[in-house]
Amino acid sequence: MKILRPAARPWTSDEEVELDQLLDAGKESAEIAVALNRTRQAIYARLQRLYRKRARAARLVELELKAKK
């Protein structure tokens, strides 16, 4: 028997800004989840996606700089 989960809600730009502000304020994941009306797992998943995106962008910039030398 499968357990059905509610469909994931897309993140809005306002929620991402609030996520950044809450992280800068030093809030814990549980507090952020309550403030954004999301689960802790949703917070973790979003942070992972953002960190991977930023890391990839940093690698691309580094490769461009090396190519220019």
PDB file of N, CA and C in Angstrom:
ATOM      1  N   MET A   1       0.836  -1.174   0.000  1.00  0.00           N
ATOM      2  CA  MET A   1       0.000   0.000   0.000  1.00  0.00           C
ATOM      3  C   MET A   1       0.886   1.245   0.000  1.00  0.00           C
ATOM      4  N   LYS A   2       0.641   2.137  -0.941  1.00  0.00           N
ATOM      5  CA  LYS A   2       1.428   3.360  -1.032  1.00  0.00           C
ATOM      6  C   LYS A   2       0.849   4.432  -0.118  1.00  0.00           C
ATOM      7  N   ILE A   3       1.757   5.194   0.470  1.00  0.00           N
ATOM      8  CA  ILE A   3       1.339   6.334   1.275  1.00  0.00           C
ATOM      9  C   ILE A   3       1.393   7.557   0.375  1.00  0.00           C
ATOM     10  N   LEU A   4       0.279   8.212   0.227  1.00  0.00           N
ATOM     11  CA  LEU A   4       0.217   9.386  -0.633  1.00  0.00           C
ATOM     12  C   LEU A   4       0.644  10.620   0.145  1.00  0.00           C
ATOM     13  N   ARG A   5       1.480  11.417  -0.490  1.00  0.00           N
ATOM     14  CA  ARG A   5       1.928  12.677   0.103  1.00  0.00           C
ATOM     15  C   ARG A   5       1.306  13.818  -0.675  1.00  0.00           C
ATOM     16  N   PRO A   6       1.116  14.942  -0.008  1.00  0.00           N
ATOM     17  CA  PRO A   6       0.619  16.093  -0.763  1.00  0.00           C
ATOM     18  C   PRO A   6       1.672  16.564  -1.766  1.00  0.00           C
ATOM     19  N   ALA A   7       1.211  17.130  -2.846  1.00  0.00           N
ATOM     20  CA  ALA A   7       2.127  17.617  -3.883  1.00  0.00           C
ATOM     21  C   ALA A   7       2.989  18.739  -3.321  1.00  0.00           C
ATOM     22  N   ALA A   8       4.222  18.767  -3.741  1.00  0.00           N
ATOM     23  CA  ALA A   8       5.145  19.806  -3.288  1.00  0.00           C
ATOM     24  C   ALA A   8       4.702  21.154  -3.836  1.00  0.00           C
ATOM     25  N   ARG A   9       4.752  22.149  -2.974  1.00  0.00           N
ATOM     26  CA  ARG A   9       4.398  23.510  -3.354  1.00  0.00           C
ATOM     27  C   ARG A   9       5.631  24.208  -3.898  1.00  0.00           C
ATOM     28  N   PRO A  10       5.546  24.855  -5.037  1.00  0.00           N
ATOM     29  CA  PRO A  10       6.716  25.570  -5.560  1.00  0.00           C
ATOM     30  C   PRO A  10       7.127  26.700  -4.620  1.00  0.00           C
ATOM     31  N   TRP A  11       8.425  26.971  -4.590  1.00  0.00           N
ATOM     32  CA  TRP A  11       8.933  28.067  -3.759  1.00  0.00           C
ATOM     33  C   TRP A  11       8.755  29.386  -4.500  1.00  0.00           C
ATOM     34  N   THR A  12       8.281  30.387  -3.775  1.00  0.00           N
ATOM     35  CA  THR A  12       8.157  31.720  -4.363  1.00  0.00           C
ATOM     36  C   THR A  12       9.434  32.502  -4.071  1.00  0.00           C
ATOM     37  N   SER A  13       9.639  33.572  -4.802  1.00  0.00           N
ATOM     38  CA  SER A  13      10.828  34.403  -4.553  1.00  0.00           C
ATOM     39  C   SER A  13      10.754  35.050  -3.173  1.00  0.00           C
ATOM     40  N   ASP A  14       9.549  35.381  -2.713  1.00  0.00           N
ATOM     41  CA  ASP A  14       9.396  35.947  -1.368  1.00  0.00           C
ATOM     42  C   ASP A  14       9.807  34.940  -0.295  1.00  0.00           C
ATOM     43  N   GLU A  15       9.448  33.672  -0.496  1.00  0.00           N
ATOM     44  CA  GLU A  15       9.830  32.639   0.459  1.00  0.00           C
ATOM     45  C   GLU A  15      11.341  32.438   0.486  1.00  0.00           C
ATOM     46  N   GLU A  16      11.976  32.519  -0.671  1.00  0.00           N
ATOM     47  CA  GLU A  16      13.429  32.362  -0.720  1.00  0.00           C
ATOM     48  C   GLU A  16      14.126  33.519  -0.008  1.00  0.00           C
ATOM     49  N   VAL A  17      13.589  34.733  -0.164  1.00  0.00           N
ATOM     50  CA  VAL A  17      14.154  35.892   0.531  1.00  0.00           C
ATOM     51  C   VAL A  17      13.989  35.710   2.034  1.00  0.00           C
ATOM     52  N   GLU A  18      12.808  35.267   2.455  1.00  0.00           N
ATOM     53  CA  GLU A  18      12.563  35.045   3.882  1.00  0.00           C
ATOM     54  C   GLU A  18      13.449  33.925   4.417  1.00  0.00           C
ATOM     55  N   LEU A  19      13.663  32.889   3.617  1.00  0.00           N
ATOM     56  CA  LEU A  19      14.568  31.801   4.012  1.00  0.00           C
ATOM     57  C   LEU A  19      15.970  32.351   4.274  1.00  0.00           C
ATOM     58  N   ASP A  20      16.474  33.177   3.370  1.00  0.00           N
ATOM     59  CA  ASP A  20      17.795  33.786   3.554  1.00  0.00           C
ATOM     60  C   ASP A  20      17.848  34.638   4.818  1.00  0.00           C
ATOM     61  N   GLN A  21      16.798  35.412   5.063  1.00  0.00           N
ATOM     62  CA  GLN A  21      16.756  36.272   6.238  1.00  0.00           C
ATOM     63  C   GLN A  21      16.743  35.451   7.522  1.00  0.00           C
ATOM     64  N   LEU A  22      15.968  34.379   7.533  1.00  0.00           N
ATOM     65  CA  LEU A  22      15.896  33.525   8.717  1.00  0.00           C
ATOM     66  C   LEU A  22      17.227  32.821   8.965  1.00  0.00           C
ATOM     67  N   LEU A  23      17.886  32.401   7.902  1.00  0.00           N
ATOM     68  CA  LEU A  23      19.201  31.772   8.051  1.00  0.00           C
ATOM     69  C   LEU A  23      20.217  32.768   8.589  1.00  0.00           C
ATOM     70  N   ASP A  24      20.188  33.996   8.057  1.00  0.00           N
ATOM     71  CA  ASP A  24      21.097  35.040   8.530  1.00  0.00           C
ATOM     72  C   ASP A  24      20.848  35.379   9.992  1.00  0.00           C
ATOM     73  N   ALA A  25      19.599  35.239  10.432  1.00  0.00           N
ATOM     74  CA  ALA A  25      19.249  35.525  11.824  1.00  0.00           C
ATOM     75  C   ALA A  25      19.626  34.372  12.749  1.00  0.00           C
ATOM     76  N   GLY A  26      20.117  33.262  12.173  1.00  0.00           N
ATOM     77  CA  GLY A  26      20.564  32.133  12.984  1.00  0.00           C
ATOM     78  C   GLY A  26      19.456  31.215  13.445  1.00  0.00           C
ATOM     79  N   LYS A  27      18.339  31.217  12.760  1.00  0.00           N
ATOM     80  CA  LYS A  27      17.208  30.370  13.142  1.00  0.00           C
ATOM     81  C   LYS A  27      17.492  28.908  12.814  1.00  0.00           C
ATOM     82  N   GLU A  28      16.906  28.035  13.603  1.00  0.00           N
ATOM     83  CA  GLU A  28      17.029  26.593  13.391  1.00  0.00           C
ATOM     84  C   GLU A  28      16.055  26.148  12.307  1.00  0.00           C
ATOM     85  N   SER A  29      16.285  24.972  11.761  1.00  0.00           N
ATOM     86  CA  SER A  29      15.442  24.472  10.675  1.00  0.00           C
ATOM     87  C   SER A  29      13.986  24.326  11.113  1.00  0.00           C
ATOM     88  N   ALA A  30      13.742  23.917  12.340  1.00  0.00           N
ATOM     89  CA  ALA A  30      12.368  23.760  12.824  1.00  0.00           C
ATOM     90  C   ALA A  30      11.660  25.117  12.880  1.00  0.00           C
ATOM     91  N   GLU A  31      12.372  26.148  13.309  1.00  0.00           N
ATOM     92  CA  GLU A  31      11.788  27.488  13.371  1.00  0.00           C
ATOM     93  C   GLU A  31      11.506  28.024  11.963  1.00  0.00           C
ATOM     94  N   ILE A  32      12.422  27.758  11.046  1.00  0.00           N
ATOM     95  CA  ILE A  32      12.246  28.202   9.662  1.00  0.00           C
ATOM     96  C   ILE A  32      11.040  27.491   9.050  1.00  0.00           C
ATOM     97  N   ALA A  33      10.909  26.201   9.312  1.00  0.00           N
ATOM     98  CA  ALA A  33       9.799  25.425   8.770  1.00  0.00           C
ATOM     99  C   ALA A  33       8.459  25.994   9.245  1.00  0.00           C
ATOM    100  N   VAL A  34       8.369  26.344  10.508  1.00  0.00           N
ATOM    101  CA  VAL A  34       7.128  26.915  11.040  1.00  0.00           C
ATOM    102  C   VAL A  34       6.855  28.274  10.400  1.00  0.00           C
ATOM    103  N   ALA A  35       7.889  29.106  10.304  1.00  0.00           N
ATOM    104  CA  ALA A  35       7.721  30.452   9.751  1.00  0.00           C
ATOM    105  C   ALA A  35       7.277  30.414   8.290  1.00  0.00           C
ATOM    106  N   LEU A  36       7.758  29.430   7.538  1.00  0.00           N
ATOM    107  CA  LEU A  36       7.428  29.340   6.110  1.00  0.00           C
ATOM    108  C   LEU A  36       6.287  28.369   5.824  1.00  0.00           C
ATOM    109  N   ASN A  37       5.741  27.762   6.887  1.00  0.00           N
ATOM    110  CA  ASN A  37       4.664  26.790   6.753  1.00  0.00           C
ATOM    111  C   ASN A  37       5.067  25.644   5.825  1.00  0.00           C
ATOM    112  N   ARG A  38       6.254  25.107   6.086  1.00  0.00           N
ATOM    113  CA  ARG A  38       6.787  23.972   5.330  1.00  0.00           C
ATOM    114  C   ARG A  38       7.375  22.966   6.313  1.00  0.00           C
ATOM    115  N   THR A  39       7.705  21.785   5.817  1.00  0.00           N
ATOM    116  CA  THR A  39       8.316  20.780   6.677  1.00  0.00           C
ATOM    117  C   THR A  39       9.824  21.040   6.778  1.00  0.00           C
ATOM    118  N   ARG A  40      10.431  20.467   7.824  1.00  0.00           N
ATOM    119  CA  ARG A  40      11.891  20.582   7.937  1.00  0.00           C
ATOM    120  C   ARG A  40      12.570  19.943   6.738  1.00  0.00           C
ATOM    121  N   GLN A  41      12.019  18.851   6.257  1.00  0.00           N
ATOM    122  CA  GLN A  41      12.602  18.179   5.097  1.00  0.00           C
ATOM    123  C   GLN A  41      12.551  19.079   3.864  1.00  0.00           C
ATOM    124  N   ALA A  42      11.477  19.851   3.720  1.00  0.00           N
ATOM    125  CA  ALA A  42      11.378  20.784   2.592  1.00  0.00           C
ATOM    126  C   ALA A  42      12.459  21.860   2.698  1.00  0.00           C
ATOM    127  N   ILE A  43      12.742  22.299   3.919  1.00  0.00           N
ATOM    128  CA  ILE A  43      13.785  23.305   4.137  1.00  0.00           C
ATOM    129  C   ILE A  43      15.143  22.718   3.765  1.00  0.00           C
ATOM    130  N   TYR A  44      15.432  21.514   4.259  1.00  0.00           N
ATOM    131  CA  TYR A  44      16.706  20.856   3.952  1.00  0.00           C
ATOM    132  C   TYR A  44      16.874  20.666   2.444  1.00  0.00           C
ATOM    133  N   ALA A  45      15.813  20.208   1.782  1.00  0.00           N
ATOM    134  CA  ALA A  45      15.889  19.953   0.341  1.00  0.00           C
ATOM    135  C   ALA A  45      16.154  21.245  -0.423  1.00  0.00           C
ATOM    136  N   ARG A  46      15.500  22.337  -0.016  1.00  0.00           N
ATOM    137  CA  ARG A  46      15.715  23.611  -0.706  1.00  0.00           C
ATOM    138  C   ARG A  46      17.133  24.104  -0.505  1.00  0.00           C
ATOM    139  N   LEU A  47      17.647  23.973   0.704  1.00  0.00           N
ATOM    140  CA  LEU A  47      19.016  24.408   0.972  1.00  0.00           C
ATOM    141  C   LEU A  47      20.022  23.604   0.162  1.00  0.00           C
ATOM    142  N   GLN A  48      19.806  22.305   0.067  1.00  0.00           N
ATOM    143  CA  GLN A  48      20.706  21.481  -0.739  1.00  0.00           C
ATOM    144  C   GLN A  48      20.702  21.930  -2.193  1.00  0.00           C
ATOM    145  N   ARG A  49      19.517  22.184  -2.728  1.00  0.00           N
ATOM    146  CA  ARG A  49      19.409  22.618  -4.117  1.00  0.00           C
ATOM    147  C   ARG A  49      20.108  23.959  -4.324  1.00  0.00           C
ATOM    148  N   LEU A  50      19.928  24.888  -3.390  1.00  0.00           N
ATOM    149  CA  LEU A  50      20.568  26.202  -3.504  1.00  0.00           C
ATOM    150  C   LEU A  50      22.089  26.095  -3.392  1.00  0.00           C
ATOM    151  N   TYR A  51      22.574  25.269  -2.470  1.00  0.00           N
ATOM    152  CA  TYR A  51      24.018  25.116  -2.300  1.00  0.00           C
ATOM    153  C   TYR A  51      24.653  24.479  -3.533  1.00  0.00           C
ATOM    154  N   ARG A  52      23.975  23.472  -4.113  1.00  0.00           N
ATOM    155  CA  ARG A  52      24.507  22.841  -5.329  1.00  0.00           C
ATOM    156  C   ARG A  52      24.539  23.834  -6.475  1.00  0.00           C
ATOM    157  N   LYS A  53      23.491  24.640  -6.588  1.00  0.00           N
ATOM    158  CA  LYS A  53      23.426  25.637  -7.655  1.00  0.00           C
ATOM    159  C   LYS A  53      24.547  26.660  -7.510  1.00  0.00           C
ATOM    160  N   ARG A  54      24.794  27.110  -6.277  1.00  0.00           N
ATOM    161  CA  ARG A  54      25.854  28.091  -6.039  1.00  0.00           C
ATOM    162  C   ARG A  54      27.232  27.482  -6.273  1.00  0.00           C
ATOM    163  N   ALA A  55      27.417  26.235  -5.873  1.00  0.00           N
ATOM    164  CA  ALA A  55      28.704  25.568  -6.062  1.00  0.00           C
ATOM    165  C   ALA A  55      28.988  25.387  -7.551  1.00  0.00           C
ATOM    166  N   ARG A  56      27.960  25.038  -8.309  1.00  0.00           N
ATOM    167  CA  ARG A  56      28.137  24.857  -9.755  1.00  0.00           C
ATOM    168  C   ARG A  56      28.501  26.186 -10.415  1.00  0.00           C
ATOM    169  N   ALA A  57      27.839  27.251 -10.002  1.00  0.00           N
ATOM    170  CA  ALA A  57      28.134  28.575 -10.561  1.00  0.00           C
ATOM    171  C   ALA A  57      29.566  28.982 -10.236  1.00  0.00           C
ATOM    172  N   ALA A  58      30.018  28.688  -9.033  1.00  0.00           N
ATOM    173  CA  ALA A  58      31.384  29.026  -8.639  1.00  0.00           C
ATOM    174  C   ALA A  58      32.396  28.238  -9.474  1.00  0.00           C
ATOM    175  N   ARG A  59      32.100  26.959  -9.743  1.00  0.00           N
ATOM    176  CA  ARG A  59      32.997  26.152 -10.566  1.00  0.00           C
ATOM    177  C   ARG A  59      33.070  26.695 -11.985  1.00  0.00           C
ATOM    178  N   LEU A  60      31.937  27.111 -12.520  1.00  0.00           N
ATOM    179  CA  LEU A  60      31.923  27.655 -13.878  1.00  0.00           C
ATOM    180  C   LEU A  60      32.734  28.947 -13.968  1.00  0.00           C
ATOM    181  N   VAL A  61      32.628  29.799 -12.975  1.00  0.00           N
ATOM    182  CA  VAL A  61      33.412  31.036 -12.950  1.00  0.00           C
ATOM    183  C   VAL A  61      34.895  30.708 -12.877  1.00  0.00           C
ATOM    184  N   GLU A  62      35.244  29.741 -12.044  1.00  0.00           N
ATOM    185  CA  GLU A  62      36.641  29.335 -11.900  1.00  0.00           C
ATOM    186  C   GLU A  62      37.192  28.796 -13.225  1.00  0.00           C
ATOM    187  N   LEU A  63      36.390  27.988 -13.915  1.00  0.00           N
ATOM    188  CA  LEU A  63      36.828  27.448 -15.200  1.00  0.00           C
ATOM    189  C   LEU A  63      36.992  28.546 -16.238  1.00  0.00           C
ATOM    190  N   GLU A  64      36.111  29.529 -16.232  1.00  0.00           N
ATOM    191  CA  GLU A  64      36.220  30.651 -17.164  1.00  0.00           C
ATOM    192  C   GLU A  64      37.501  31.456 -16.912  1.00  0.00           C
ATOM    193  N   LEU A  65      37.807  31.650 -15.627  1.00  0.00           N
ATOM    194  CA  LEU A  65      39.023  32.390 -15.283  1.00  0.00           C
ATOM    195  C   LEU A  65      40.269  31.641 -15.722  1.00  0.00           C
ATOM    196  N   LYS A  66      40.281  30.337 -15.559  1.00  0.00           N
ATOM    197  CA  LYS A  66      41.424  29.527 -15.979  1.00  0.00           C
ATOM    198  C   LYS A  66      41.562  29.545 -17.493  1.00  0.00           C
ATOM    199  N   ALA A  67      40.431  29.536 -18.198  1.00  0.00           N
ATOM    200  CA  ALA A  67      40.471  29.529 -19.657  1.00  0.00           C
ATOM    201  C   ALA A  67      41.002  30.830 -20.223  1.00  0.00           C
ATOM    202  N   LYS A  68      40.796  31.919 -19.506  1.00  0.00           N
ATOM    203  CA  LYS A  68      41.262  33.219 -19.975  1.00  0.00           C
ATOM    204  C   LYS A  68      42.777  33.418 -19.803  1.00  0.00           C
ATOM    205  N   LYS A  69      43.384  32.624 -18.951  1.00  0.00           N
ATOM    206  CA  LYS A  69      44.827  32.760 -18.692  1.00  0.00           C
ATOM    207  C   LYS A  69      45.651  32.214 -19.814  1.00  0.00           C
TER     208      LYS A  69
END
